Amino acid sequence: MYVHHRMAERAEELWRLLDLEDTYLHLCGIKGMEDGVERVLRGRAERDYIDWRAFRRVL
């Protein structure tokens, strides 16, 4: 099980937190995990028709 699997399991809760103005996301780990995390968050953003690239810049 990888971090992006856990994030996918709790995507709705995570998305609600990311939508709050005072929430920041900091990821630490190997570069290889970035793709999975990005895929989960981008997929969730697209469900709400949100431009993930623009949203990501403000995290």
PDB file of N, CA and C in Angstrom:
ATOM      1  N   MET A   1       0.855  -1.172   0.000  1.00  0.00           N
ATOM      2  CA  MET A   1       0.000   0.000   0.000  1.00  0.00           C
ATOM      3  C   MET A   1       0.900   1.235   0.000  1.00  0.00           C
ATOM      4  N   TYR A   2       0.582   2.159  -0.885  1.00  0.00           N
ATOM      5  CA  TYR A   2       1.343   3.401  -1.013  1.00  0.00           C
ATOM      6  C   TYR A   2       0.492   4.579  -0.558  1.00  0.00           C
ATOM      7  N   VAL A   3       1.140   5.712  -0.336  1.00  0.00           N
ATOM      8  CA  VAL A   3       0.433   6.888   0.177  1.00  0.00           C
ATOM      9  C   VAL A   3      -0.725   7.289  -0.740  1.00  0.00           C
ATOM     10  N   HIS A   4      -0.558   7.178  -2.049  1.00  0.00           N
ATOM     11  CA  HIS A   4      -1.649   7.573  -2.942  1.00  0.00           C
ATOM     12  C   HIS A   4      -2.849   6.637  -2.830  1.00  0.00           C
ATOM     13  N   HIS A   5      -2.637   5.396  -2.429  1.00  0.00           N
ATOM     14  CA  HIS A   5      -3.768   4.491  -2.198  1.00  0.00           C
ATOM     15  C   HIS A   5      -4.594   4.989  -1.010  1.00  0.00           C
ATOM     16  N   ARG A   6      -3.915   5.370   0.053  1.00  0.00           N
ATOM     17  CA  ARG A   6      -4.623   5.904   1.230  1.00  0.00           C
ATOM     18  C   ARG A   6      -5.322   7.216   0.895  1.00  0.00           C
ATOM     19  N   MET A   7      -4.665   8.046   0.105  1.00  0.00           N
ATOM     20  CA  MET A   7      -5.280   9.315  -0.291  1.00  0.00           C
ATOM     21  C   MET A   7      -6.534   9.063  -1.125  1.00  0.00           C
ATOM     22  N   ALA A   8      -6.492   8.083  -1.991  1.00  0.00           N
ATOM     23  CA  ALA A   8      -7.656   7.753  -2.819  1.00  0.00           C
ATOM     24  C   ALA A   8      -8.812   7.264  -1.950  1.00  0.00           C
ATOM     25  N   GLU A   9      -8.506   6.480  -0.920  1.00  0.00           N
ATOM     26  CA  GLU A   9      -9.542   5.989  -0.014  1.00  0.00           C
ATOM     27  C   GLU A   9     -10.253   7.130   0.710  1.00  0.00           C
ATOM     28  N   ARG A  10      -9.540   8.204   0.963  1.00  0.00           N
ATOM     29  CA  ARG A  10     -10.101   9.328   1.731  1.00  0.00           C
ATOM     30  C   ARG A  10     -10.154  10.606   0.899  1.00  0.00           C
ATOM     31  N   ALA A  11     -10.328  10.443  -0.400  1.00  0.00           N
ATOM     32  CA  ALA A  11     -10.269  11.571  -1.335  1.00  0.00           C
ATOM     33  C   ALA A  11     -11.277  12.665  -1.009  1.00  0.00           C
ATOM     34  N   GLU A  12     -12.484  12.299  -0.629  1.00  0.00           N
ATOM     35  CA  GLU A  12     -13.501  13.323  -0.351  1.00  0.00           C
ATOM     36  C   GLU A  12     -13.123  14.163   0.864  1.00  0.00           C
ATOM     37  N   GLU A  13     -12.683  13.503   1.912  1.00  0.00           N
ATOM     38  CA  GLU A  13     -12.268  14.224   3.119  1.00  0.00           C
ATOM     39  C   GLU A  13     -11.053  15.105   2.827  1.00  0.00           C
ATOM     40  N   LEU A  14     -10.099  14.564   2.120  1.00  0.00           N
ATOM     41  CA  LEU A  14      -8.907  15.319   1.757  1.00  0.00           C
ATOM     42  C   LEU A  14      -9.267  16.525   0.895  1.00  0.00           C
ATOM     43  N   TRP A  15     -10.172  16.336  -0.053  1.00  0.00           N
ATOM     44  CA  TRP A  15     -10.571  17.428  -0.937  1.00  0.00           C
ATOM     45  C   TRP A  15     -11.248  18.556  -0.157  1.00  0.00           C
ATOM     46  N   ARG A  16     -12.088  18.198   0.803  1.00  0.00           N
ATOM     47  CA  ARG A  16     -12.731  19.230   1.637  1.00  0.00           C
ATOM     48  C   ARG A  16     -11.685  20.036   2.400  1.00  0.00           C
ATOM     49  N   LEU A  17     -10.671  19.358   2.906  1.00  0.00           N
ATOM     50  CA  LEU A  17      -9.606  20.058   3.629  1.00  0.00           C
ATOM     51  C   LEU A  17      -8.797  20.959   2.699  1.00  0.00           C
ATOM     52  N   LEU A  18      -8.485  20.465   1.516  1.00  0.00           N
ATOM     53  CA  LEU A  18      -7.704  21.262   0.569  1.00  0.00           C
ATOM     54  C   LEU A  18      -8.459  22.498   0.100  1.00  0.00           C
ATOM     55  N   ASP A  19      -9.757  22.458   0.185  1.00  0.00           N
ATOM     56  CA  ASP A  19     -10.572  23.591  -0.244  1.00  0.00           C
ATOM     57  C   ASP A  19     -10.591  24.714   0.795  1.00  0.00           C
ATOM     58  N   LEU A  20     -10.137  24.433   2.004  1.00  0.00           N
ATOM     59  CA  LEU A  20     -10.088  25.457   3.050  1.00  0.00           C
ATOM     60  C   LEU A  20      -8.897  26.383   2.819  1.00  0.00           C
ATOM     61  N   GLU A  21      -9.116  27.648   3.071  1.00  0.00           N
ATOM     62  CA  GLU A  21      -8.075  28.646   2.817  1.00  0.00           C
ATOM     63  C   GLU A  21      -6.816  28.426   3.651  1.00  0.00           C
ATOM     64  N   ASP A  22      -6.973  27.909   4.856  1.00  0.00           N
ATOM     65  CA  ASP A  22      -5.812  27.756   5.739  1.00  0.00           C
ATOM     66  C   ASP A  22      -5.213  26.352   5.726  1.00  0.00           C
ATOM     67  N   THR A  23      -5.460  25.583   4.678  1.00  0.00           N
ATOM     68  CA  THR A  23      -4.884  24.249   4.545  1.00  0.00           C
ATOM     69  C   THR A  23      -3.736  24.284   3.547  1.00  0.00           C
ATOM     70  N   TYR A  24      -2.639  23.670   3.920  1.00  0.00           N
ATOM     71  CA  TYR A  24      -1.476  23.556   3.043  1.00  0.00           C
ATOM     72  C   TYR A  24      -1.109  22.086   2.944  1.00  0.00           C
ATOM     73  N   LEU A  25      -0.582  21.691   1.813  1.00  0.00           N
ATOM     74  CA  LEU A  25      -0.175  20.310   1.604  1.00  0.00           C
ATOM     75  C   LEU A  25       1.327  20.269   1.354  1.00  0.00           C
ATOM     76  N   HIS A  26       2.021  19.525   2.184  1.00  0.00           N
ATOM     77  CA  HIS A  26       3.463  19.350   2.030  1.00  0.00           C
ATOM     78  C   HIS A  26       3.717  17.854   1.915  1.00  0.00           C
ATOM     79  N   LEU A  27       4.374  17.447   0.861  1.00  0.00           N
ATOM     80  CA  LEU A  27       4.702  16.042   0.661  1.00  0.00           C
ATOM     81  C   LEU A  27       6.202  15.850   0.743  1.00  0.00           C
ATOM     82  N   CYS A  28       6.594  14.839   1.456  1.00  0.00           N
ATOM     83  CA  CYS A  28       8.004  14.490   1.551  1.00  0.00           C
ATOM     84  C   CYS A  28       8.140  13.023   1.198  1.00  0.00           C
ATOM     85  N   GLY A  29       9.154  12.707   0.462  1.00  0.00           N
ATOM     86  CA  GLY A  29       9.384  11.319   0.098  1.00  0.00           C
ATOM     87  C   GLY A  29      10.123  11.239  -1.219  1.00  0.00           C
ATOM     88  N   ILE A  30      10.158  10.059  -1.755  1.00  0.00           N
ATOM     89  CA  ILE A  30      10.868   9.872  -3.017  1.00  0.00           C
ATOM     90  C   ILE A  30      10.076  10.469  -4.177  1.00  0.00           C
ATOM     91  N   LYS A  31      10.787  10.918  -5.176  1.00  0.00           N
ATOM     92  CA  LYS A  31      10.174  11.559  -6.343  1.00  0.00           C
ATOM     93  C   LYS A  31       9.140  10.636  -6.993  1.00  0.00           C
ATOM     94  N   GLY A  32       9.366   9.345  -6.961  1.00  0.00           N
ATOM     95  CA  GLY A  32       8.478   8.394  -7.611  1.00  0.00           C
ATOM     96  C   GLY A  32       7.060   8.379  -7.071  1.00  0.00           C
ATOM     97  N   MET A  33       6.859   8.814  -5.838  1.00  0.00           N
ATOM     98  CA  MET A  33       5.504   8.798  -5.275  1.00  0.00           C
ATOM     99  C   MET A  33       4.667   9.965  -5.783  1.00  0.00           C
ATOM    100  N   GLU A  34       5.327  10.964  -6.334  1.00  0.00           N
ATOM    101  CA  GLU A  34       4.628  12.165  -6.784  1.00  0.00           C
ATOM    102  C   GLU A  34       3.559  11.854  -7.837  1.00  0.00           C
ATOM    103  N   ASP A  35       3.848  10.972  -8.762  1.00  0.00           N
ATOM    104  CA  ASP A  35       2.895  10.663  -9.835  1.00  0.00           C
ATOM    105  C   ASP A  35       1.577  10.113  -9.300  1.00  0.00           C
ATOM    106  N   GLY A  36       1.648   9.200  -8.349  1.00  0.00           N
ATOM    107  CA  GLY A  36       0.433   8.623  -7.787  1.00  0.00           C
ATOM    108  C   GLY A  36      -0.399   9.640  -7.036  1.00  0.00           C
ATOM    109  N   VAL A  37       0.255  10.471  -6.252  1.00  0.00           N
ATOM    110  CA  VAL A  37      -0.437  11.518  -5.497  1.00  0.00           C
ATOM    111  C   VAL A  37      -1.073  12.509  -6.463  1.00  0.00           C
ATOM    112  N   GLU A  38      -0.314  12.897  -7.462  1.00  0.00           N
ATOM    113  CA  GLU A  38      -0.814  13.837  -8.475  1.00  0.00           C
ATOM    114  C   GLU A  38      -2.042  13.259  -9.187  1.00  0.00           C
ATOM    115  N   ARG A  39      -1.987  12.000  -9.520  1.00  0.00           N
ATOM    116  CA  ARG A  39      -3.094  11.336 -10.223  1.00  0.00           C
ATOM    117  C   ARG A  39      -4.370  11.354  -9.376  1.00  0.00           C
ATOM    118  N   VAL A  40      -4.249  11.063  -8.099  1.00  0.00           N
ATOM    119  CA  VAL A  40      -5.412  11.063  -7.205  1.00  0.00           C
ATOM    120  C   VAL A  40      -6.014  12.458  -7.097  1.00  0.00           C
ATOM    121  N   LEU A  41      -5.182  13.447  -6.840  1.00  0.00           N
ATOM    122  CA  LEU A  41      -5.689  14.806  -6.643  1.00  0.00           C
ATOM    123  C   LEU A  41      -6.214  15.415  -7.942  1.00  0.00           C
ATOM    124  N   ARG A  42      -5.531  15.168  -9.038  1.00  0.00           N
ATOM    125  CA  ARG A  42      -6.003  15.677 -10.327  1.00  0.00           C
ATOM    126  C   ARG A  42      -7.357  15.059 -10.676  1.00  0.00           C
ATOM    127  N   GLY A  43      -7.495  13.767 -10.450  1.00  0.00           N
ATOM    128  CA  GLY A  43      -8.762  13.093 -10.729  1.00  0.00           C
ATOM    129  C   GLY A  43      -9.901  13.661  -9.908  1.00  0.00           C
ATOM    130  N   ARG A  44      -9.626  13.951  -8.652  1.00  0.00           N
ATOM    131  CA  ARG A  44     -10.674  14.528  -7.798  1.00  0.00           C
ATOM    132  C   ARG A  44     -11.015  15.943  -8.237  1.00  0.00           C
ATOM    133  N   ALA A  45     -10.033  16.720  -8.602  1.00  0.00           N
ATOM    134  CA  ALA A  45     -10.276  18.092  -9.077  1.00  0.00           C
ATOM    135  C   ALA A  45     -11.131  18.074 -10.342  1.00  0.00           C
ATOM    136  N   GLU A  46     -10.836  17.181 -11.241  1.00  0.00           N
ATOM    137  CA  GLU A  46     -11.567  17.112 -12.508  1.00  0.00           C
ATOM    138  C   GLU A  46     -13.037  16.769 -12.305  1.00  0.00           C
ATOM    139  N   ARG A  47     -13.355  16.050 -11.252  1.00  0.00           N
ATOM    140  CA  ARG A  47     -14.767  15.743 -10.973  1.00  0.00           C
ATOM    141  C   ARG A  47     -15.573  17.002 -10.723  1.00  0.00           C
ATOM    142  N   ASP A  48     -14.918  18.052 -10.202  1.00  0.00           N
ATOM    143  CA  ASP A  48     -15.579  19.337  -9.951  1.00  0.00           C
ATOM    144  C   ASP A  48     -15.240  20.362 -11.027  1.00  0.00           C
ATOM    145  N   TYR A  49     -14.680  19.889 -12.141  1.00  0.00           N
ATOM    146  CA  TYR A  49     -14.308  20.762 -13.270  1.00  0.00           C
ATOM    147  C   TYR A  49     -13.333  21.855 -12.841  1.00  0.00           C
ATOM    148  N   ILE A  50     -12.424  21.501 -11.967  1.00  0.00           N
ATOM    149  CA  ILE A  50     -11.413  22.439 -11.476  1.00  0.00           C
ATOM    150  C   ILE A  50     -10.112  22.204 -12.236  1.00  0.00           C
ATOM    151  N   ASP A  51      -9.499  23.287 -12.667  1.00  0.00           N
ATOM    152  CA  ASP A  51      -8.206  23.217 -13.347  1.00  0.00           C
ATOM    153  C   ASP A  51      -7.144  22.842 -12.311  1.00  0.00           C
ATOM    154  N   TRP A  52      -6.694  21.603 -12.346  1.00  0.00           N
ATOM    155  CA  TRP A  52      -5.768  21.106 -11.341  1.00  0.00           C
ATOM    156  C   TRP A  52      -4.463  21.893 -11.321  1.00  0.00           C
ATOM    157  N   ARG A  53      -3.934  22.246 -12.485  1.00  0.00           N
ATOM    158  CA  ARG A  53      -2.660  22.975 -12.520  1.00  0.00           C
ATOM    159  C   ARG A  53      -2.766  24.309 -11.786  1.00  0.00           C
ATOM    160  N   ALA A  54      -3.848  25.022 -12.001  1.00  0.00           N
ATOM    161  CA  ALA A  54      -4.047  26.311 -11.327  1.00  0.00           C
ATOM    162  C   ALA A  54      -4.249  26.105  -9.825  1.00  0.00           C
ATOM    163  N   PHE A  55      -5.045  25.106  -9.461  1.00  0.00           N
ATOM    164  CA  PHE A  55      -5.316  24.823  -8.051  1.00  0.00           C
ATOM    165  C   PHE A  55      -4.033  24.419  -7.327  1.00  0.00           C
ATOM    166  N   ARG A  56      -3.236  23.610  -7.987  1.00  0.00           N
ATOM    167  CA  ARG A  56      -1.994  23.104  -7.385  1.00  0.00           C
ATOM    168  C   ARG A  56      -1.034  24.239  -7.035  1.00  0.00           C
ATOM    169  N   ARG A  57      -1.010  25.264  -7.848  1.00  0.00           N
ATOM    170  CA  ARG A  57      -0.083  26.377  -7.608  1.00  0.00           C
ATOM    171  C   ARG A  57      -0.370  27.108  -6.299  1.00  0.00           C
ATOM    172  N   VAL A  58      -1.603  27.062  -5.830  1.00  0.00           N
ATOM    173  CA  VAL A  58      -1.936  27.789  -4.602  1.00  0.00           C
ATOM    174  C   VAL A  58      -1.859  26.914  -3.353  1.00  0.00           C
ATOM    175  N   LEU A  59      -1.538  25.648  -3.512  1.00  0.00           N
ATOM    176  CA  LEU A  59      -1.395  24.771  -2.341  1.00  0.00           C
ATOM    177  C   LEU A  59      -0.135  25.103  -1.581  1.00  0.00           C
TER     178      LEU A  59
END
